[in-house]
Every structure is written in C-alpha cells, then in structure tokens.
Amino acid sequence: MVDLLKTITRYRKPFAGLLMAASLMVVSACAETPSETTTQEEASENVTTEELSGGAEGLIGQTVSLRAEVAKTVDDTSFLLEDDQLFGGEDVLVINASGEPFVLTEGDDTDVQVTGEVQQLVIVDFEREYGLDLDPTIYADYEDRPVVVAQSIALSPDPGDLTSNPDKYYNQRIAVAGEVEDKLSPTTFTIDEEQLFGGEDLLVLTQGITPQTQDGERVVVTGVLRPYLKADFDTDYDLDWDLSVQKQIEAEYTEKPVFVADGVYPSAM
C-alpha cells in the first residue's frame, strides 16, 4: 500500500528526489537542468490525498516520485508499477529516460523508487526527444495516455532488508529514509531509523550537494551504500571532516555500512 505524501515542493529546477517508504510526491516541473539539491529557499504547500490519488491526467506536466512494486516488464525501456492507490488504481507505465539501464533481477520483489515527469505518450515525439526506439506494436495501447518519464530509478528496499543483508545492496543505487540525528559537517550527518542496522545511526556522506538539513528532520537520501574503509573514502571522495570528526568516524564506522548520497530530500511521512 502506498502512503501519499502531504507535501508538494516547488522547485526552480525540475527533478525532485526519490522518496522512500511507499510514497508519492508531486512537484512543479520546469524546463531547466535537473537539480538534486534541496534548499531552504524552496517553498512548500500542502496538497490532499485525493488530488494525488486521482487519475494521472491531472498530473501531466508535473514531476512525481513514487515507490511501488514492478508488476510487469514491458521491454528494456519500460515497466509497469502496480498499486491500488497510485493514479486511481491504474497500472503506471514508466519509461526509463535516465540514460542508465535498469535491470530488476528475476524473482526480486524489492520495491522500486521512480522520479520523473508525467507526460502524455506520443511515440514519435518520445523517440525524438529522448533518443528511444519504441516498438509501436508494444506501445500502441499506451499512445496518448499518461506515462512517467523517469529521470531516476532506484531500488527501495525495506529497512529490515538492509539490516539483514547489507552486502546485497552495496554499490547499488537505493533510497533510504530516516530522521536527521547529528550533523557532523556541512556534507555529513547521521540518520536514525530504528529498523536500520539494529537501531544504529546510518552515516550519510553527501557528494556534489550541500543539503540544508535540520536536526530531527525526516529525510530521504538517494545514492549508494558502501562499507567504510578509510583509504577508499579518502581516495574516492571530497571530504570536509576536521580531525575530531575523522577520528569519530574511524572509531564508530570502520567496515560498517555508510551511505554516499547524491540527493537529500524532505519527507512528510
């Protein structure tokens, strides 16, 4: 079942982040370059569950982030998401325009988190704009219907799955939700989620963004999970830790899972 977020955030740039914990969010879509940075300047307003759970036609031109089960793979480019509360109970066709292949292992029932703009499918226009090759015999039934053009796709495992088998998700793009517990530097903080790693805080290192997070704020982070090995992190990332933070991280997180995030977003859950 999908819980609908009660927050709509208007971005000056169109790509909102992935959202965790079975959610749907709508943001205004613009025509500029995507951005994954959440700033305090972005205004928010409340919307109703009814507005979000209605038909997809009312969302054309807006960017949505949703988490649901993959019901069916259509071809290498698209798949169907299924949930009774998404878009009035209709299956949602997702077309991958992220530029990155997304392959779901057969038998893997992990939910998928998708972010993209709701558009009316016109096969010829989509092929030209996104460089896709859409078989008209496959997509004829979807012509002129609303679809989600995904700019980002990630696995969205349940917290218990991460706890029981973190190795399975190492170096894969995933989405994780939690409450900001402790800010260690402008780009590093911990999130608290009781079901994650035996209740221990998860260390989050952001790269390419400086999130405006507040202690106690519930957020969703998107990126990859890696075991913390000092030599690897020193080589691979731009770290802004002072000596005391370095020592704390080495003492508490060596060889433990650390989340390297390229997106941090507010969650209204």
C-alpha atoms as a PDB file:
ATOM      1  CA  MET A   1       0.000   0.000   0.000  1.00  0.00           C
ATOM      2  CA  VAL A   2       1.308   3.436  -0.852  1.00  0.00           C
ATOM      3  CA  ASP A   3       1.139   6.255   1.691  1.00  0.00           C
ATOM      4  CA  LEU A   4       0.733   9.583  -0.080  1.00  0.00           C
ATOM      5  CA  LEU A   5       2.983  12.423   0.967  1.00  0.00           C
ATOM      6  CA  LYS A   6       1.207  15.559   2.118  1.00  0.00           C
ATOM      7  CA  THR A   7       3.907  17.895   0.883  1.00  0.00           C
ATOM      8  CA  ILE A   8       4.279  19.426  -2.540  1.00  0.00           C
ATOM      9  CA  THR A   9       7.547  21.256  -3.102  1.00  0.00           C
ATOM     10  CA  ARG A  10       8.010  23.751  -5.897  1.00  0.00           C
ATOM     11  CA  TYR A  11      11.480  23.562  -7.403  1.00  0.00           C
ATOM     12  CA  ARG A  12      13.162  26.087  -9.603  1.00  0.00           C
ATOM     13  CA  LYS A  13      14.612  23.069 -11.398  1.00  0.00           C
ATOM     14  CA  PRO A  14      12.525  20.031 -12.256  1.00  0.00           C
ATOM     15  CA  PHE A  15      13.955  16.894 -10.755  1.00  0.00           C
ATOM     16  CA  ALA A  16      12.762  16.092  -7.266  1.00  0.00           C
ATOM     17  CA  GLY A  17      14.451  13.308  -5.389  1.00  0.00           C
ATOM     18  CA  LEU A  18      13.492   9.784  -4.743  1.00  0.00           C
ATOM     19  CA  LEU A  19      11.193   9.213  -1.835  1.00  0.00           C
ATOM     20  CA  MET A  20      11.206   6.265   0.497  1.00  0.00           C
ATOM     21  CA  ALA A  21       8.587   4.328   2.459  1.00  0.00           C
ATOM     22  CA  ALA A  22       5.861   3.763  -0.081  1.00  0.00           C
ATOM     23  CA  SER A  23       5.179   7.339  -1.039  1.00  0.00           C
ATOM     24  CA  LEU A  24       4.032   9.607  -3.836  1.00  0.00           C
ATOM     25  CA  MET A  25       5.072  13.232  -4.156  1.00  0.00           C
ATOM     26  CA  VAL A  26       4.291  15.812  -6.810  1.00  0.00           C
ATOM     27  CA  VAL A  27       6.498  18.791  -7.648  1.00  0.00           C
ATOM     28  CA  SER A  28       6.224  21.511 -10.231  1.00  0.00           C
ATOM     29  CA  ALA A  29       8.095  20.740 -13.441  1.00  0.00           C
ATOM     30  CA  CYS A  30      10.190  23.308 -15.264  1.00  0.00           C
ATOM     31  CA  ALA A  31      12.335  23.099 -18.358  1.00  0.00           C
ATOM     32  CA  GLU A  32      15.751  23.706 -16.877  1.00  0.00           C
ATOM     33  CA  THR A  33      18.599  21.395 -15.943  1.00  0.00           C
ATOM     34  CA  PRO A  34      17.751  18.810 -13.231  1.00  0.00           C
ATOM     35  CA  SER A  35      18.871  19.508  -9.690  1.00  0.00           C
ATOM     36  CA  GLU A  36      19.033  17.213  -6.688  1.00  0.00           C
ATOM     37  CA  THR A  37      19.727  19.880  -4.074  1.00  0.00           C
ATOM     38  CA  THR A  38      17.115  20.773  -1.508  1.00  0.00           C
ATOM     39  CA  THR A  39      17.480  24.333  -0.182  1.00  0.00           C
ATOM     40  CA  GLN A  40      15.677  26.330   2.464  1.00  0.00           C
ATOM     41  CA  GLU A  41      14.524  28.778  -0.222  1.00  0.00           C
ATOM     42  CA  GLU A  42      12.182  26.211  -1.746  1.00  0.00           C
ATOM     43  CA  ALA A  43       8.598  26.825  -0.683  1.00  0.00           C
ATOM     44  CA  SER A  44       6.228  24.035   0.302  1.00  0.00           C
ATOM     45  CA  GLU A  45       2.464  23.753   0.387  1.00  0.00           C
ATOM     46  CA  ASN A  46       0.045  21.054   1.408  1.00  0.00           C
ATOM     47  CA  VAL A  47      -1.987  19.007  -1.032  1.00  0.00           C
ATOM     48  CA  THR A  48      -4.707  16.469  -0.415  1.00  0.00           C
ATOM     49  CA  THR A  49      -4.543  12.717  -0.765  1.00  0.00           C
ATOM     50  CA  GLU A  50      -7.472  12.926  -3.170  1.00  0.00           C
ATOM     51  CA  GLU A  51      -5.522  15.178  -5.532  1.00  0.00           C
ATOM     52  CA  LEU A  52      -2.592  12.770  -5.623  1.00  0.00           C
ATOM     53  CA  SER A  53      -4.512   9.511  -5.811  1.00  0.00           C
ATOM     54  CA  GLY A  54      -6.795  10.575  -8.650  1.00  0.00           C
ATOM     55  CA  GLY A  55      -6.201   9.908 -12.325  1.00  0.00           C
ATOM     56  CA  ALA A  56      -2.801  10.624 -13.841  1.00  0.00           C
ATOM     57  CA  GLU A  57      -4.326  13.027 -16.373  1.00  0.00           C
ATOM     58  CA  GLY A  58      -4.416  15.743 -13.729  1.00  0.00           C
ATOM     59  CA  LEU A  59      -0.669  15.390 -13.142  1.00  0.00           C
ATOM     60  CA  ILE A  60       0.545  15.874 -16.724  1.00  0.00           C
ATOM     61  CA  GLY A  61       3.443  18.321 -16.737  1.00  0.00           C
ATOM     62  CA  GLN A  62       4.340  17.669 -13.102  1.00  0.00           C
ATOM     63  CA  THR A  63       7.195  15.629 -11.666  1.00  0.00           C
ATOM     64  CA  VAL A  64       6.297  12.739  -9.362  1.00  0.00           C
ATOM     65  CA  SER A  65       8.306  10.464  -7.097  1.00  0.00           C
ATOM     66  CA  LEU A  66       6.711   7.151  -6.230  1.00  0.00           C
ATOM     67  CA  ARG A  67       7.559   3.803  -4.718  1.00  0.00           C
ATOM     68  CA  ALA A  68       5.761   0.645  -5.761  1.00  0.00           C
ATOM     69  CA  GLU A  69       6.166  -2.925  -6.937  1.00  0.00           C
ATOM     70  CA  VAL A  70       7.082  -3.697 -10.529  1.00  0.00           C
ATOM     71  CA  ALA A  71       4.086  -5.547 -11.938  1.00  0.00           C
ATOM     72  CA  LYS A  72       5.483  -6.267 -15.381  1.00  0.00           C
ATOM     73  CA  THR A  73       8.493  -5.512 -17.551  1.00  0.00           C
ATOM     74  CA  VAL A  74       7.299  -4.209 -20.916  1.00  0.00           C
ATOM     75  CA  ASP A  75      10.695  -4.204 -22.649  1.00  0.00           C
ATOM     76  CA  ASP A  76      14.240  -2.995 -21.957  1.00  0.00           C
ATOM     77  CA  THR A  77      12.993   0.594 -21.818  1.00  0.00           C
ATOM     78  CA  SER A  78       9.900   0.460 -19.644  1.00  0.00           C
ATOM     79  CA  PHE A  79       7.934  -1.359 -16.974  1.00  0.00           C
ATOM     80  CA  LEU A  80       4.627  -1.147 -15.143  1.00  0.00           C
ATOM     81  CA  LEU A  81       4.274  -0.164 -11.492  1.00  0.00           C
ATOM     82  CA  GLU A  82       1.276  -1.527  -9.648  1.00  0.00           C
ATOM     83  CA  ASP A  83      -0.535  -0.263  -6.572  1.00  0.00           C
ATOM     84  CA  ASP A  84      -4.206   0.265  -5.787  1.00  0.00           C
ATOM     85  CA  GLN A  85      -3.639   3.836  -4.573  1.00  0.00           C
ATOM     86  CA  LEU A  86      -1.442   5.087  -7.413  1.00  0.00           C
ATOM     87  CA  PHE A  87      -3.229   7.166 -10.035  1.00  0.00           C
ATOM     88  CA  GLY A  88      -6.684   5.879  -9.220  1.00  0.00           C
ATOM     89  CA  GLY A  89      -5.597   2.248  -9.123  1.00  0.00           C
ATOM     90  CA  GLU A  90      -4.309   2.179 -12.699  1.00  0.00           C
ATOM     91  CA  ASP A  91      -1.006   0.492 -13.518  1.00  0.00           C
ATOM     92  CA  VAL A  92       1.636   3.153 -14.173  1.00  0.00           C
ATOM     93  CA  LEU A  93       3.827   2.839 -17.272  1.00  0.00           C
ATOM     94  CA  VAL A  94       7.354   4.051 -16.508  1.00  0.00           C
ATOM     95  CA  ILE A  95       9.669   4.858 -19.417  1.00  0.00           C
ATOM     96  CA  ASN A  96      13.350   4.932 -18.485  1.00  0.00           C
ATOM     97  CA  ALA A  97      14.864   8.165 -19.808  1.00  0.00           C
ATOM     98  CA  SER A  98      17.619   8.313 -17.175  1.00  0.00           C
ATOM     99  CA  GLY A  99      20.344   7.266 -19.576  1.00  0.00           C
ATOM    100  CA  GLU A 100      21.234   4.383 -17.263  1.00  0.00           C
ATOM    101  CA  PRO A 101      19.996   0.808 -17.749  1.00  0.00           C
ATOM    102  CA  PHE A 102      17.785  -0.561 -15.001  1.00  0.00           C
ATOM    103  CA  VAL A 103      17.573  -4.319 -14.671  1.00  0.00           C
ATOM    104  CA  LEU A 104      15.447  -5.953 -11.994  1.00  0.00           C
ATOM    105  CA  THR A 105      16.669  -9.434 -11.125  1.00  0.00           C
ATOM    106  CA  GLU A 106      14.073 -12.119 -11.809  1.00  0.00           C
ATOM    107  CA  GLY A 107      12.339 -13.089  -8.592  1.00  0.00           C
ATOM    108  CA  ASP A 108      13.432  -9.893  -6.808  1.00  0.00           C
ATOM    109  CA  ASP A 109      10.319  -8.351  -5.255  1.00  0.00           C
ATOM    110  CA  THR A 110      12.106  -5.261  -3.904  1.00  0.00           C
ATOM    111  CA  ASP A 111      10.064  -2.120  -4.490  1.00  0.00           C
ATOM    112  CA  VAL A 112      11.345   0.443  -6.966  1.00  0.00           C
ATOM    113  CA  GLN A 113      11.551   4.201  -6.466  1.00  0.00           C
ATOM    114  CA  VAL A 114      10.937   6.280  -9.587  1.00  0.00           C
ATOM    115  CA  THR A 115      11.143  10.020 -10.196  1.00  0.00           C
ATOM    116  CA  GLY A 116      10.076  11.670 -13.429  1.00  0.00           C
ATOM    117  CA  GLU A 117       7.605  13.887 -15.229  1.00  0.00           C
ATOM    118  CA  VAL A 118       4.110  12.718 -16.092  1.00  0.00           C
ATOM    119  CA  GLN A 119       3.666  13.175 -19.841  1.00  0.00           C
ATOM    120  CA  GLN A 120       1.207  12.139 -22.496  1.00  0.00           C
ATOM    121  CA  LEU A 121       2.830   9.425 -24.596  1.00  0.00           C
ATOM    122  CA  VAL A 122       3.328  10.341 -28.235  1.00  0.00           C
ATOM    123  CA  ILE A 123       5.650   7.668 -29.596  1.00  0.00           C
ATOM    124  CA  VAL A 124       7.215   9.751 -32.369  1.00  0.00           C
ATOM    125  CA  ASP A 125       7.883  12.688 -30.041  1.00  0.00           C
ATOM    126  CA  PHE A 126       9.360  10.484 -27.318  1.00  0.00           C
ATOM    127  CA  GLU A 127      11.702   8.758 -29.750  1.00  0.00           C
ATOM    128  CA  ARG A 128      12.978  12.098 -30.994  1.00  0.00           C
ATOM    129  CA  GLU A 129      13.250  13.849 -27.633  1.00  0.00           C
ATOM    130  CA  TYR A 130      14.745  11.011 -25.587  1.00  0.00           C
ATOM    131  CA  GLY A 131      16.567   9.016 -28.264  1.00  0.00           C
ATOM    132  CA  LEU A 132      14.401   5.954 -27.648  1.00  0.00           C
ATOM    133  CA  ASP A 133      13.309   3.198 -30.004  1.00  0.00           C
ATOM    134  CA  LEU A 134       9.743   2.333 -29.011  1.00  0.00           C
ATOM    135  CA  ASP A 135       8.112  -0.581 -30.804  1.00  0.00           C
ATOM    136  CA  PRO A 136       4.683   0.711 -31.935  1.00  0.00           C
ATOM    137  CA  THR A 137       3.198  -2.778 -31.669  1.00  0.00           C
ATOM    138  CA  ILE A 138       4.096  -2.816 -27.961  1.00  0.00           C
ATOM    139  CA  TYR A 139       3.275   0.791 -27.136  1.00  0.00           C
ATOM    140  CA  ALA A 140       0.135   1.241 -29.240  1.00  0.00           C
ATOM    141  CA  ASP A 141      -2.080   0.622 -26.194  1.00  0.00           C
ATOM    142  CA  TYR A 142      -0.294   3.420 -24.305  1.00  0.00           C
ATOM    143  CA  GLU A 143      -0.360   6.058 -27.059  1.00  0.00           C
ATOM    144  CA  ASP A 144      -1.889   9.337 -25.821  1.00  0.00           C
ATOM    145  CA  ARG A 145      -2.071   8.003 -22.252  1.00  0.00           C
ATOM    146  CA  PRO A 146      -0.196   9.487 -19.266  1.00  0.00           C
ATOM    147  CA  VAL A 147       3.159   7.842 -18.511  1.00  0.00           C
ATOM    148  CA  VAL A 148       6.027   8.641 -16.144  1.00  0.00           C
ATOM    149  CA  VAL A 149       9.233   9.600 -17.953  1.00  0.00           C
ATOM    150  CA  ALA A 150      11.797   8.526 -15.347  1.00  0.00           C
ATOM    151  CA  GLN A 151      14.930  10.595 -14.809  1.00  0.00           C
ATOM    152  CA  SER A 152      15.948   8.469 -11.827  1.00  0.00           C
ATOM    153  CA  ILE A 153      15.218   4.860 -10.840  1.00  0.00           C
ATOM    154  CA  ALA A 154      16.445   3.056  -7.735  1.00  0.00           C
ATOM    155  CA  LEU A 155      15.740   0.013  -5.637  1.00  0.00           C
ATOM    156  CA  SER A 156      13.853   0.916  -2.475  1.00  0.00           C
ATOM    157  CA  PRO A 157      14.404  -1.932  -0.005  1.00  0.00           C
ATOM    158  CA  ASP A 158      12.592  -2.149   3.295  1.00  0.00           C
ATOM    159  CA  PRO A 159      14.743  -1.180   6.301  1.00  0.00           C
ATOM    160  CA  GLY A 160      14.684  -4.757   7.555  1.00  0.00           C
ATOM    161  CA  ASP A 161      16.175  -5.982   4.290  1.00  0.00           C
ATOM    162  CA  LEU A 162      19.124  -3.615   4.652  1.00  0.00           C
ATOM    163  CA  THR A 163      19.639  -4.749   8.221  1.00  0.00           C
ATOM    164  CA  SER A 164      19.616  -8.459   7.466  1.00  0.00           C
ATOM    165  CA  ASN A 165      21.689  -8.337   4.293  1.00  0.00           C
ATOM    166  CA  PRO A 166      23.509  -5.043   3.637  1.00  0.00           C
ATOM    167  CA  ASP A 167      26.032  -6.759   1.347  1.00  0.00           C
ATOM    168  CA  LYS A 168      23.245  -7.353  -1.167  1.00  0.00           C
ATOM    169  CA  TYR A 169      22.798  -3.605  -1.624  1.00  0.00           C
ATOM    170  CA  TYR A 170      26.412  -2.449  -1.573  1.00  0.00           C
ATOM    171  CA  ASN A 171      27.277  -0.220  -4.560  1.00  0.00           C
ATOM    172  CA  GLN A 172      23.706  -0.278  -5.890  1.00  0.00           C
ATOM    173  CA  ARG A 173      21.599   2.846  -6.193  1.00  0.00           C
ATOM    174  CA  ILE A 174      18.947   2.783  -3.475  1.00  0.00           C
ATOM    175  CA  ALA A 175      16.712   5.121  -1.482  1.00  0.00           C
ATOM    176  CA  VAL A 176      16.641   5.199   2.341  1.00  0.00           C
ATOM    177  CA  ALA A 177      14.518   7.262   4.758  1.00  0.00           C
ATOM    178  CA  GLY A 178      15.283   8.337   8.294  1.00  0.00           C
ATOM    179  CA  GLU A 179      15.444  11.219  10.767  1.00  0.00           C
ATOM    180  CA  VAL A 180      18.474  13.526  10.852  1.00  0.00           C
ATOM    181  CA  GLU A 181      20.165  12.757  14.156  1.00  0.00           C
ATOM    182  CA  ASP A 182      23.535  14.520  14.219  1.00  0.00           C
ATOM    183  CA  LYS A 183      25.221  16.898  11.758  1.00  0.00           C
ATOM    184  CA  LEU A 184      28.967  16.240  11.726  1.00  0.00           C
ATOM    185  CA  SER A 185      29.906  18.621   8.900  1.00  0.00           C
ATOM    186  CA  PRO A 186      28.123  20.577   6.135  1.00  0.00           C
ATOM    187  CA  THR A 187      28.110  17.440   3.982  1.00  0.00           C
ATOM    188  CA  THR A 188      27.944  14.692   6.598  1.00  0.00           C
ATOM    189  CA  PHE A 189      25.231  13.693   9.040  1.00  0.00           C
ATOM    190  CA  THR A 190      23.659  10.639  10.611  1.00  0.00           C
ATOM    191  CA  ILE A 191      20.089   9.452  10.186  1.00  0.00           C
ATOM    192  CA  ASP A 192      18.215   7.457  12.773  1.00  0.00           C
ATOM    193  CA  GLU A 193      15.875   4.654  11.753  1.00  0.00           C
ATOM    194  CA  GLU A 194      15.063   2.048  14.375  1.00  0.00           C
ATOM    195  CA  GLN A 195      14.824  -0.738  11.817  1.00  0.00           C
ATOM    196  CA  LEU A 196      18.187   0.044  10.197  1.00  0.00           C
ATOM    197  CA  PHE A 197      21.265  -1.889  11.310  1.00  0.00           C
ATOM    198  CA  GLY A 198      19.962  -2.867  14.702  1.00  0.00           C
ATOM    199  CA  GLY A 199      18.843   0.652  15.513  1.00  0.00           C
ATOM    200  CA  GLU A 200      22.307   2.171  14.978  1.00  0.00           C
ATOM    201  CA  ASP A 201      22.505   5.504  13.184  1.00  0.00           C
ATOM    202  CA  LEU A 202      23.411   5.421   9.499  1.00  0.00           C
ATOM    203  CA  LEU A 203      26.244   7.745   8.465  1.00  0.00           C
ATOM    204  CA  VAL A 204      25.420   9.767   5.341  1.00  0.00           C
ATOM    205  CA  LEU A 205      28.124  11.449   3.257  1.00  0.00           C
ATOM    206  CA  THR A 206      26.804  13.760   0.541  1.00  0.00           C
ATOM    207  CA  GLN A 207      28.710  14.474  -2.661  1.00  0.00           C
ATOM    208  CA  GLY A 208      28.018  17.275  -5.115  1.00  0.00           C
ATOM    209  CA  ILE A 209      25.382  18.869  -2.872  1.00  0.00           C
ATOM    210  CA  THR A 210      25.242  20.698   0.453  1.00  0.00           C
ATOM    211  CA  PRO A 211      21.856  19.783   1.946  1.00  0.00           C
ATOM    212  CA  GLN A 212      20.084  22.242   4.224  1.00  0.00           C
ATOM    213  CA  THR A 213      19.010  19.623   6.747  1.00  0.00           C
ATOM    214  CA  GLN A 214      17.899  20.277  10.303  1.00  0.00           C
ATOM    215  CA  ASP A 215      18.275  18.046  13.354  1.00  0.00           C
ATOM    216  CA  GLY A 216      15.120  15.980  13.739  1.00  0.00           C
ATOM    217  CA  GLU A 217      14.026  16.498  10.137  1.00  0.00           C
ATOM    218  CA  ARG A 218      12.824  13.380   8.338  1.00  0.00           C
ATOM    219  CA  VAL A 219      14.567  12.997   5.003  1.00  0.00           C
ATOM    220  CA  VAL A 220      15.063  10.601   2.140  1.00  0.00           C
ATOM    221  CA  VAL A 221      18.568  10.030   0.822  1.00  0.00           C
ATOM    222  CA  THR A 222      19.417   8.540  -2.554  1.00  0.00           C
ATOM    223  CA  GLY A 223      22.753   7.099  -3.539  1.00  0.00           C
ATOM    224  CA  VAL A 224      24.867   4.029  -2.811  1.00  0.00           C
ATOM    225  CA  LEU A 225      25.671   2.035   0.317  1.00  0.00           C
ATOM    226  CA  ARG A 226      29.359   1.217   0.908  1.00  0.00           C
ATOM    227  CA  PRO A 227      31.400  -0.242   3.747  1.00  0.00           C
ATOM    228  CA  TYR A 228      33.560   2.484   5.285  1.00  0.00           C
ATOM    229  CA  LEU A 229      37.217   1.874   4.518  1.00  0.00           C
ATOM    230  CA  LYS A 230      39.287   4.976   5.236  1.00  0.00           C
ATOM    231  CA  ALA A 231      41.748   4.582   2.372  1.00  0.00           C
ATOM    232  CA  ASP A 232      38.973   4.108  -0.182  1.00  0.00           C
ATOM    233  CA  PHE A 233      36.931   7.064   1.033  1.00  0.00           C
ATOM    234  CA  ASP A 234      39.988   9.336   1.185  1.00  0.00           C
ATOM    235  CA  THR A 235      40.712   8.468  -2.442  1.00  0.00           C
ATOM    236  CA  ASP A 236      37.195   8.442  -3.847  1.00  0.00           C
ATOM    237  CA  TYR A 237      35.524  11.411  -2.159  1.00  0.00           C
ATOM    238  CA  ASP A 238      35.998  15.066  -1.317  1.00  0.00           C
ATOM    239  CA  LEU A 239      35.816  15.008   2.483  1.00  0.00           C
ATOM    240  CA  ASP A 240      35.390  18.123   4.645  1.00  0.00           C
ATOM    241  CA  TRP A 241      35.929  16.448   8.007  1.00  0.00           C
ATOM    242  CA  ASP A 242      38.067  18.053  10.687  1.00  0.00           C
ATOM    243  CA  LEU A 243      40.368  15.892  12.789  1.00  0.00           C
ATOM    244  CA  SER A 244      37.826  15.196  15.527  1.00  0.00           C
ATOM    245  CA  VAL A 245      35.188  14.083  13.005  1.00  0.00           C
ATOM    246  CA  GLN A 246      37.732  11.886  11.219  1.00  0.00           C
ATOM    247  CA  LYS A 247      38.598  10.138  14.474  1.00  0.00           C
ATOM    248  CA  GLN A 248      34.931   9.705  15.410  1.00  0.00           C
ATOM    249  CA  ILE A 249      34.055   8.169  12.045  1.00  0.00           C
ATOM    250  CA  GLU A 250      37.046   5.838  12.081  1.00  0.00           C
ATOM    251  CA  ALA A 251      36.162   4.680  15.591  1.00  0.00           C
ATOM    252  CA  GLU A 252      32.436   4.181  15.008  1.00  0.00           C
ATOM    253  CA  TYR A 253      32.043   3.246  11.343  1.00  0.00           C
ATOM    254  CA  THR A 254      35.107   1.362  10.097  1.00  0.00           C
ATOM    255  CA  GLU A 255      33.892  -1.531   7.901  1.00  0.00           C
ATOM    256  CA  LYS A 256      30.283  -0.605   8.665  1.00  0.00           C
ATOM    257  CA  PRO A 257      27.740   0.496   6.024  1.00  0.00           C
ATOM    258  CA  VAL A 258      27.961   4.182   5.073  1.00  0.00           C
ATOM    259  CA  PHE A 259      25.568   5.886   2.660  1.00  0.00           C
ATOM    260  CA  VAL A 260      27.109   8.065  -0.067  1.00  0.00           C
ATOM    261  CA  ALA A 261      24.248  10.328  -1.177  1.00  0.00           C
ATOM    262  CA  ASP A 262      23.773  12.367  -4.331  1.00  0.00           C
ATOM    263  CA  GLY A 263      20.306  13.502  -3.255  1.00  0.00           C
ATOM    264  CA  VAL A 264      18.727  14.510   0.067  1.00  0.00           C
ATOM    265  CA  TYR A 265      15.046  15.393   0.190  1.00  0.00           C
ATOM    266  CA  PRO A 266      12.430  16.217   2.828  1.00  0.00           C
ATOM    267  CA  SER A 267       9.893  13.548   3.677  1.00  0.00           C
ATOM    268  CA  ALA A 268       6.472  14.311   5.109  1.00  0.00           C
ATOM    269  CA  MET A 269       5.933  10.817   6.458  1.00  0.00           C
END
